């Protein structure tokens, strides 16, 4: 099985290299040079264009004038994947690739904010808010910040820790906070105060993990308040809604996994175990409700479809992160990986975006949503299997 996982990684890495680390994004529809003018800047027409491009089972982007591009979040996941491959194999080429992605991220930070931050390379329109290209989101900042902490731990270069510290300053200085008693929810974006649990906890996890290195009390204080906010809104069945506003009341696979990872990072980084029981209960809920018998990762708590590559990649990563407290998680991670390779990997090496049913598959090659997250997840699995074998 280890050889099969490594061959899948080799095929994916070759595809990424051949495509110069560029691909599409599920939500890049507003980058259409042909169709965007026809929205007349109307909110609902922009949503229609964006969702139409995303949901159409055939990749319409080349015909719509949407180019392949780099993704900052994708580069962050590639950093983590290549570092794990270097740790597992010792091959210098993976260290070099990780450093290339790190340098790209440093060069492509956004200007005008209090610290290092990154955002979409496209305009994004939702029912709730409009996010222009180049405006940071805490999700991207936190996940990329973790990549820099991984790099600091592995390469022992202080400049990588300094980037993570700078990202914490962005969270501390530029983002609104929704107050809920003594607790707070950190805003998803700097433009408006938007409360989303996975975004809140991801930001808190970066603050906490960075605190473990520099002992910045401001990082610890805000991290605790943010984790407390999400912890107290855990539902009776031990799940979390995507967000507390009534229009955000759904429970899905990979956003739940983000919350679990983040609370675990907080506990490990601070030694504060007050939410340990909530974390264990949430993990068991997630593990018992989001996976079919064959390892297929279900999208929502109440329905399986669509089968999405992001659910697969994040599931593998989170299961391995919890392998120190769950002896069975590694077996499930391997089952998910095998299902994904069998059902979602193209012969050319890249992974498909999603399957709508047994017959209909959207084969669009997305970058961060698929290729980068799968490289990171499979590399983590390969590293885990290599360590276990020894």
Protein backbone atom coordinates (compact mmCIF):
# COMPACT_ATOMS: atom_id res chain seq x y z
CA UNK A 1 0.00 0.00 0.00
CA UNK A 2 2.88 2.36 0.73
CA UNK A 3 4.20 1.90 -2.81
CA UNK A 4 0.76 2.61 -4.25
CA UNK A 5 0.44 5.83 -2.26
CA UNK A 6 3.90 6.96 -3.35
CA UNK A 7 3.16 6.23 -7.01
CA UNK A 8 0.01 8.34 -6.75
CA UNK A 9 2.09 11.16 -5.28
CA UNK A 10 4.70 10.87 -8.05
CA UNK A 11 1.98 11.08 -10.70
CA UNK A 12 0.39 14.10 -9.02
CA UNK A 13 3.73 15.86 -8.54
CA UNK A 14 4.57 15.37 -12.21
CA UNK A 15 1.22 16.88 -13.21
CA UNK A 16 1.82 19.88 -10.93
CA UNK A 17 5.31 20.39 -12.31
CA UNK A 18 4.17 20.05 -15.91
CA UNK A 19 1.47 22.68 -15.27
CA UNK A 20 3.86 25.04 -13.46
CA UNK A 21 1.74 24.79 -10.27
CA UNK A 22 -1.18 26.48 -12.03
CA UNK A 23 -4.78 25.29 -12.35
CA UNK A 24 -8.34 26.47 -11.78
CA UNK A 25 -10.38 27.22 -8.65
CA UNK A 26 -13.99 26.18 -8.03
CA UNK A 27 -15.01 29.80 -7.47
CA UNK A 28 -13.03 31.59 -10.20
CA UNK A 29 -16.04 32.14 -12.50
CA UNK A 30 -15.91 35.92 -12.15
CA UNK A 31 -12.50 35.87 -13.82
CA UNK A 32 -14.28 35.23 -17.11
CA UNK A 33 -13.23 37.95 -19.53
CA UNK A 34 -16.12 36.95 -21.81
CA UNK A 35 -19.07 36.45 -19.46
CA UNK A 36 -18.30 38.79 -16.55
CA UNK A 37 -19.40 41.95 -18.45
CA UNK A 38 -22.83 40.36 -18.96
CA UNK A 39 -23.48 40.39 -15.20
CA UNK A 40 -23.66 44.22 -15.27
CA UNK A 41 -22.18 44.08 -11.76
CA UNK A 42 -25.49 42.72 -10.43
CA UNK A 43 -25.11 40.59 -7.29
CA UNK A 44 -27.44 37.82 -8.39
CA UNK A 45 -26.07 37.64 -11.91
CA UNK A 46 -22.56 37.41 -10.48
CA UNK A 47 -23.67 34.56 -8.23
CA UNK A 48 -25.29 32.86 -11.22
CA UNK A 49 -22.10 33.11 -13.28
CA UNK A 50 -19.84 31.97 -10.46
CA UNK A 51 -22.03 29.04 -9.47
CA UNK A 52 -22.77 28.11 -13.06
CA UNK A 53 -19.08 27.76 -13.86
CA UNK A 54 -18.48 25.87 -10.61
CA UNK A 55 -21.36 23.42 -10.90
CA UNK A 56 -21.37 22.70 -14.62
CA UNK A 57 -20.07 19.13 -15.00
CA UNK A 58 -17.80 20.03 -17.92
CA UNK A 59 -14.97 22.52 -17.46
CA UNK A 60 -16.16 25.62 -19.32
CA UNK A 61 -13.30 27.87 -18.19
CA UNK A 62 -11.16 27.75 -21.35
CA UNK A 63 -14.18 28.74 -23.45
CA UNK A 64 -15.19 31.43 -20.93
CA UNK A 65 -11.77 33.08 -20.96
CA UNK A 66 -10.75 31.98 -17.46
CA UNK A 67 -7.00 31.19 -17.30
CA UNK A 68 -5.19 28.76 -15.05
CA UNK A 69 -3.46 30.57 -12.23
CA UNK A 70 -1.43 30.25 -9.06
CA UNK A 71 -3.28 29.99 -5.75
CA UNK A 72 -1.77 31.30 -2.53
CA UNK A 73 -3.70 28.78 -0.44
CA UNK A 74 -2.62 26.10 -2.89
CA UNK A 75 1.00 27.10 -2.47
CA UNK A 76 0.58 26.81 1.30
CA UNK A 77 -0.66 23.24 1.02
CA UNK A 78 2.13 22.41 -1.43
CA UNK A 79 4.66 23.64 1.13
CA UNK A 80 3.26 21.22 3.71
CA UNK A 81 3.18 18.36 1.22
CA UNK A 82 6.73 18.81 -0.01
CA UNK A 83 8.08 19.18 3.53
CA UNK A 84 6.41 15.89 4.47
CA UNK A 85 7.88 14.22 1.39
CA UNK A 86 11.32 15.51 2.29
CA UNK A 87 10.89 14.16 5.81
CA UNK A 88 9.78 10.77 4.50
CA UNK A 89 12.31 10.34 1.68
CA UNK A 90 15.22 12.66 2.37
CA UNK A 91 15.21 13.67 -1.31
CA UNK A 92 16.53 17.22 -1.72
CA UNK A 93 14.24 17.96 -4.65
CA UNK A 94 11.25 18.04 -2.29
CA UNK A 95 12.98 20.51 0.03
CA UNK A 96 13.76 22.68 -3.01
CA UNK A 97 10.12 22.60 -4.12
CA UNK A 98 8.92 23.53 -0.65
CA UNK A 99 11.30 26.49 -0.58
CA UNK A 100 10.16 27.61 -4.03
CA UNK A 101 6.55 27.73 -2.79
CA UNK A 102 7.59 29.52 0.41
CA UNK A 103 9.48 32.15 -1.59
CA UNK A 104 6.45 32.61 -3.85
CA UNK A 105 4.22 33.18 -0.83
CA UNK A 106 6.61 35.70 0.68
CA UNK A 107 6.81 37.58 -2.60
CA UNK A 108 3.04 37.55 -3.12
CA UNK A 109 1.87 38.84 0.27
CA UNK A 110 -0.85 41.47 0.14
CA UNK A 111 0.03 45.08 0.85
CA UNK A 112 -1.78 47.55 3.09
CA UNK A 113 -2.34 45.36 6.15
CA UNK A 114 -0.68 45.05 9.54
CA UNK A 115 0.97 41.74 8.76
CA UNK A 116 1.52 39.01 6.20
CA UNK A 117 -1.74 37.92 4.61
CA UNK A 118 -3.13 36.40 1.44
CA UNK A 119 -6.44 36.20 -0.40
CA UNK A 120 -8.16 35.01 -3.55
CA UNK A 121 -6.86 35.65 -7.05
CA UNK A 122 -10.47 36.25 -8.12
CA UNK A 123 -13.52 38.22 -7.05
CA UNK A 124 -15.97 36.21 -4.97
CA UNK A 125 -19.69 36.86 -4.61
CA UNK A 126 -21.79 35.01 -2.04
CA UNK A 127 -25.30 35.54 -0.71
CA UNK A 128 -23.74 37.10 2.36
CA UNK A 129 -20.87 39.28 1.12
CA UNK A 130 -18.75 40.37 -1.84
CA UNK A 131 -15.01 39.74 -1.56
CA UNK A 132 -12.84 41.49 -4.16
CA UNK A 133 -9.66 39.93 -5.46
CA UNK A 134 -6.71 40.63 -3.19
CA UNK A 135 -8.64 40.97 0.08
CA UNK A 136 -7.36 38.50 2.69
CA UNK A 137 -9.41 35.85 4.45
CA UNK A 138 -8.49 34.40 7.83
CA UNK A 139 -8.83 30.87 6.45
CA UNK A 140 -6.10 31.43 3.89
CA UNK A 141 -3.92 33.38 6.33
CA UNK A 142 -4.18 30.68 9.00
CA UNK A 143 -3.54 27.70 6.73
CA UNK A 144 -0.60 29.42 5.05
CA UNK A 145 0.68 30.53 8.46
CA UNK A 146 0.74 26.89 9.57
CA UNK A 147 2.79 26.07 6.47
CA UNK A 148 5.39 28.64 7.54
CA UNK A 149 5.48 27.14 11.04
CA UNK A 150 6.02 23.71 9.48
CA UNK A 151 8.86 25.23 7.48
CA UNK A 152 10.37 26.82 10.59
CA UNK A 153 10.28 23.51 12.46
CA UNK A 154 11.78 21.60 9.53
CA UNK A 155 14.32 23.99 8.03
CA UNK A 156 15.18 25.87 11.27
CA UNK A 157 15.09 29.23 9.46
CA UNK A 158 13.89 32.08 11.66
CA UNK A 159 12.52 34.01 8.68
CA UNK A 160 9.72 31.46 8.39
CA UNK A 161 8.69 31.95 12.02
CA UNK A 162 8.75 35.70 11.44
CA UNK A 163 6.23 35.36 8.59
CA UNK A 164 3.89 33.38 10.84
CA UNK A 165 4.29 36.00 13.56
CA UNK A 166 3.50 38.70 11.02
CA UNK A 167 0.32 36.82 10.03
CA UNK A 168 -0.70 36.78 13.68
CA UNK A 169 -0.33 40.56 13.73
CA UNK A 170 -2.76 40.75 10.83
CA UNK A 171 -5.28 38.68 12.81
CA UNK A 172 -4.72 40.73 15.96
CA UNK A 173 -4.85 44.15 14.30
CA UNK A 174 -6.96 43.99 11.13
CA UNK A 175 -9.91 41.71 11.85
CA UNK A 176 -13.11 42.57 13.66
CA UNK A 177 -14.27 40.48 16.61
CA UNK A 178 -17.84 39.53 17.40
CA UNK A 179 -18.24 39.67 21.17
CA UNK A 180 -20.31 36.97 22.84
CA UNK A 181 -20.03 37.46 26.59
CA UNK A 182 -16.39 36.93 27.52
CA UNK A 183 -15.74 35.11 24.24
CA UNK A 184 -15.17 36.36 20.69
CA UNK A 185 -15.50 35.13 17.13
CA UNK A 186 -12.79 36.44 14.82
CA UNK A 187 -14.17 37.76 11.54
CA UNK A 188 -13.67 35.80 8.34
CA UNK A 189 -12.64 38.94 6.42
CA UNK A 190 -11.47 42.45 7.28
CA UNK A 191 -14.24 44.21 5.32
CA UNK A 192 -17.16 43.04 7.48
CA UNK A 193 -17.78 41.20 10.73
CA UNK A 194 -18.64 37.67 9.58
CA UNK A 195 -18.80 34.78 12.06
CA UNK A 196 -17.91 31.32 10.79
CA UNK A 197 -16.70 28.56 13.13
CA UNK A 198 -13.97 27.02 10.99
CA UNK A 199 -12.55 30.45 10.14
CA UNK A 200 -12.62 31.52 13.78
CA UNK A 201 -10.89 28.39 15.05
CA UNK A 202 -8.32 28.30 12.24
CA UNK A 203 -7.25 31.81 13.18
CA UNK A 204 -7.13 30.79 16.83
CA UNK A 205 -5.03 27.73 16.00
CA UNK A 206 -2.37 29.81 14.24
CA UNK A 207 -2.27 32.23 17.16
CA UNK A 208 -1.89 29.37 19.63
CA UNK A 209 0.74 27.48 17.67
CA UNK A 210 2.76 30.65 17.12
CA UNK A 211 2.45 31.39 20.85
CA UNK A 212 4.15 28.04 21.55
CA UNK A 213 7.27 29.47 19.89
CA UNK A 214 7.30 33.14 20.91
CA UNK A 215 5.09 33.29 24.05
CA UNK A 216 3.23 36.36 22.78
CA UNK A 217 0.48 36.78 25.39
CA UNK A 218 -1.80 38.65 23.00
CA UNK A 219 -1.83 35.62 20.72
CA UNK A 220 -2.75 33.33 23.60
CA UNK A 221 -5.47 35.61 24.97
CA UNK A 222 -7.32 35.99 21.67
CA UNK A 223 -6.87 32.32 20.80
CA UNK A 224 -8.50 31.23 24.07
CA UNK A 225 -11.49 33.54 23.63
CA UNK A 226 -12.02 32.35 20.05
CA UNK A 227 -11.77 28.65 20.92
CA UNK A 228 -14.16 29.18 23.84
CA UNK A 229 -16.69 30.77 21.46
CA UNK A 230 -16.80 27.81 19.11
CA UNK A 231 -16.59 25.21 21.87
CA UNK A 232 -19.71 26.49 23.61
CA UNK A 233 -21.74 26.32 20.38
CA UNK A 234 -21.09 22.61 19.93
CA UNK A 235 -24.51 21.05 19.35
CA UNK A 236 -26.13 18.29 21.39
CA UNK A 237 -25.06 15.66 18.86
CA UNK A 238 -21.48 17.04 19.20
CA UNK A 239 -21.38 18.62 15.73
CA UNK A 240 -20.96 22.27 14.77
CA UNK A 241 -22.93 24.31 12.30
CA UNK A 242 -20.84 26.08 9.67
CA UNK A 243 -21.89 29.29 11.44
CA UNK A 244 -24.46 30.44 13.98
CA UNK A 245 -26.52 32.82 11.78
CA UNK A 246 -29.64 31.01 10.57
CA UNK A 247 -28.50 30.98 6.93
CA UNK A 248 -25.33 29.07 7.89
CA UNK A 249 -26.98 26.10 9.59
CA UNK A 250 -25.46 23.11 7.87
CA UNK A 251 -22.86 20.55 8.96
CA UNK A 252 -20.29 19.34 6.46
CA UNK A 253 -17.22 17.15 6.38
CA UNK A 254 -14.14 19.25 5.75
CA UNK A 255 -15.21 22.38 7.65
CA UNK A 256 -15.87 20.19 10.69
CA UNK A 257 -12.40 18.71 10.21
CA UNK A 258 -10.91 22.23 10.21
CA UNK A 259 -12.57 22.89 13.58
CA UNK A 260 -11.27 19.62 15.02
CA UNK A 261 -7.72 20.24 13.80
CA UNK A 262 -7.79 23.76 15.20
CA UNK A 263 -8.97 22.81 18.68
CA UNK A 264 -6.34 20.06 18.80
CA UNK A 265 -3.64 22.54 17.74
CA UNK A 266 -4.80 24.85 20.52
CA UNK A 267 -4.60 22.13 23.17
CA UNK A 268 -1.20 20.89 22.01
CA UNK A 269 0.25 24.40 21.78
CA UNK A 270 -1.01 25.77 25.08
CA UNK A 271 -1.46 22.76 27.36
CA UNK A 272 -4.99 24.00 28.10
CA UNK A 273 -7.15 20.86 28.18
CA UNK A 274 -10.49 22.39 29.20
CA UNK A 275 -12.08 21.43 25.85
CA UNK A 276 -10.50 18.00 25.52
CA UNK A 277 -13.79 16.15 26.11
CA UNK A 278 -15.60 18.34 23.58
CA UNK A 279 -12.86 17.67 21.05
CA UNK A 280 -13.05 13.91 21.53
CA UNK A 281 -16.83 13.96 21.23
CA UNK A 282 -16.68 16.12 18.11
CA UNK A 283 -14.06 13.87 16.54
CA UNK A 284 -16.13 10.74 17.19
CA UNK A 285 -19.22 12.41 15.70
CA UNK A 286 -17.25 13.36 12.58
CA UNK A 287 -15.62 9.96 12.19
CA UNK A 288 -18.91 8.07 12.64
CA UNK A 289 -21.05 10.25 10.36
CA UNK A 290 -19.02 11.24 7.31
CA UNK A 291 -17.60 8.04 5.81
CA UNK A 292 -19.16 5.23 3.77
CA UNK A 293 -18.10 1.64 4.31
CA UNK A 294 -15.77 1.75 1.30
CA UNK A 295 -14.04 4.92 2.53
CA UNK A 296 -15.93 7.41 0.36
CA UNK A 297 -16.01 10.76 2.23
CA UNK A 298 -19.58 12.03 2.54
CA UNK A 299 -20.09 15.77 2.08
CA UNK A 300 -22.92 16.60 4.48
CA UNK A 301 -24.06 15.05 7.74
CA UNK A 302 -27.44 14.20 6.20
CA UNK A 303 -26.47 13.22 2.64
CA UNK A 304 -23.49 11.78 0.83
CA UNK A 305 -23.40 13.62 -2.49
CA UNK A 306 -21.53 15.31 -3.97
CA UNK A 307 -18.33 13.32 -3.43
CA UNK A 308 -15.82 16.15 -3.25
CA UNK A 309 -12.02 16.02 -3.43
CA UNK A 310 -11.66 18.54 -0.61
CA UNK A 311 -13.59 16.23 1.73
CA UNK A 312 -11.24 13.39 0.79
CA UNK A 313 -7.99 15.30 1.24
CA UNK A 314 -8.94 16.96 4.51
CA UNK A 315 -10.30 13.69 5.89
CA UNK A 316 -6.98 11.93 5.30
CA UNK A 317 -5.08 14.79 6.92
CA UNK A 318 -7.34 15.05 9.97
CA UNK A 319 -7.51 11.31 10.56
CA UNK A 320 -3.72 11.15 10.61
CA UNK A 321 -3.52 14.17 12.92
CA UNK A 322 -5.70 12.28 15.40
CA UNK A 323 -3.83 8.99 15.08
CA UNK A 324 -2.07 9.60 18.38
CA UNK A 325 -5.39 9.32 20.22
CA UNK A 326 -7.29 6.99 17.89
CA UNK A 327 -5.54 3.73 16.91
CA UNK A 328 -8.11 3.08 14.15
CA UNK A 329 -7.82 6.44 12.39
CA UNK A 330 -4.84 5.43 10.23
CA UNK A 331 -6.77 2.48 8.77
CA UNK A 332 -9.65 4.76 7.84
CA UNK A 333 -7.24 7.32 6.35
CA UNK A 334 -5.78 4.58 4.16
CA UNK A 335 -9.26 3.44 3.13
CA UNK A 336 -10.21 7.02 2.15
CA UNK A 337 -6.96 7.39 0.20
CA UNK A 338 -7.51 4.15 -1.71
CA UNK A 339 -11.09 5.11 -2.56
CA UNK A 340 -9.93 8.52 -3.77
CA UNK A 341 -7.14 7.14 -5.95
CA UNK A 342 -9.50 4.55 -7.44
CA UNK A 343 -12.35 6.97 -8.11
CA UNK A 344 -10.92 10.50 -8.39
CA UNK A 345 -7.39 10.36 -9.83
CA UNK A 346 -6.97 10.85 -13.56
CA UNK A 347 -4.46 8.80 -15.53
CA UNK A 348 -2.48 12.01 -16.10
CA UNK A 349 -1.97 12.35 -12.33
CA UNK A 350 -4.35 15.08 -11.18
CA UNK A 351 -7.48 14.57 -9.06
CA UNK A 352 -11.03 15.36 -10.19
CA UNK A 353 -13.03 18.10 -8.52
CA UNK A 354 -16.14 16.09 -7.56
CA UNK A 355 -18.53 13.28 -8.42
CA UNK A 356 -22.22 14.17 -8.55
CA UNK A 357 -23.23 10.50 -8.78
CA UNK A 358 -21.85 7.21 -10.10
CA UNK A 359 -22.13 8.34 -13.71
CA UNK A 360 -21.41 12.09 -13.61
CA UNK A 361 -17.98 13.41 -12.63
CA UNK A 362 -16.66 16.97 -12.83
CA UNK A 363 -13.07 16.43 -13.95
CA UNK A 364 -11.93 20.07 -13.68
CA UNK A 365 -8.30 20.26 -12.44
CA UNK A 366 -8.54 22.65 -9.49
CA UNK A 367 -5.36 23.68 -7.68
CA UNK A 368 -5.75 24.27 -3.96
CA UNK A 369 -9.09 22.45 -3.97
CA UNK A 370 -7.72 19.07 -4.96
CA UNK A 371 -4.16 18.97 -6.23
CA UNK A 372 -2.43 20.86 -3.41
CA UNK A 373 -4.57 19.44 -0.61
CA UNK A 374 -4.18 15.90 -1.96
CA UNK A 375 -0.40 16.28 -2.25
CA UNK A 376 -0.33 17.41 1.38
CA UNK A 377 -2.64 14.64 2.58
CA UNK A 378 -1.05 11.77 0.64
CA UNK A 379 2.42 12.94 1.67
CA UNK A 380 1.30 12.88 5.28
CA UNK A 381 -0.03 9.34 4.78
CA UNK A 382 3.17 8.21 3.07
CA UNK A 383 5.25 9.71 5.88
CA UNK A 384 3.02 7.95 8.42
CA UNK A 385 3.34 4.58 6.65
CA UNK A 386 7.11 4.99 6.34
CA UNK A 387 7.43 5.74 10.05
CA UNK A 388 5.13 2.83 10.94
CA UNK A 389 7.12 0.44 8.73
CA UNK A 390 10.34 1.36 10.54
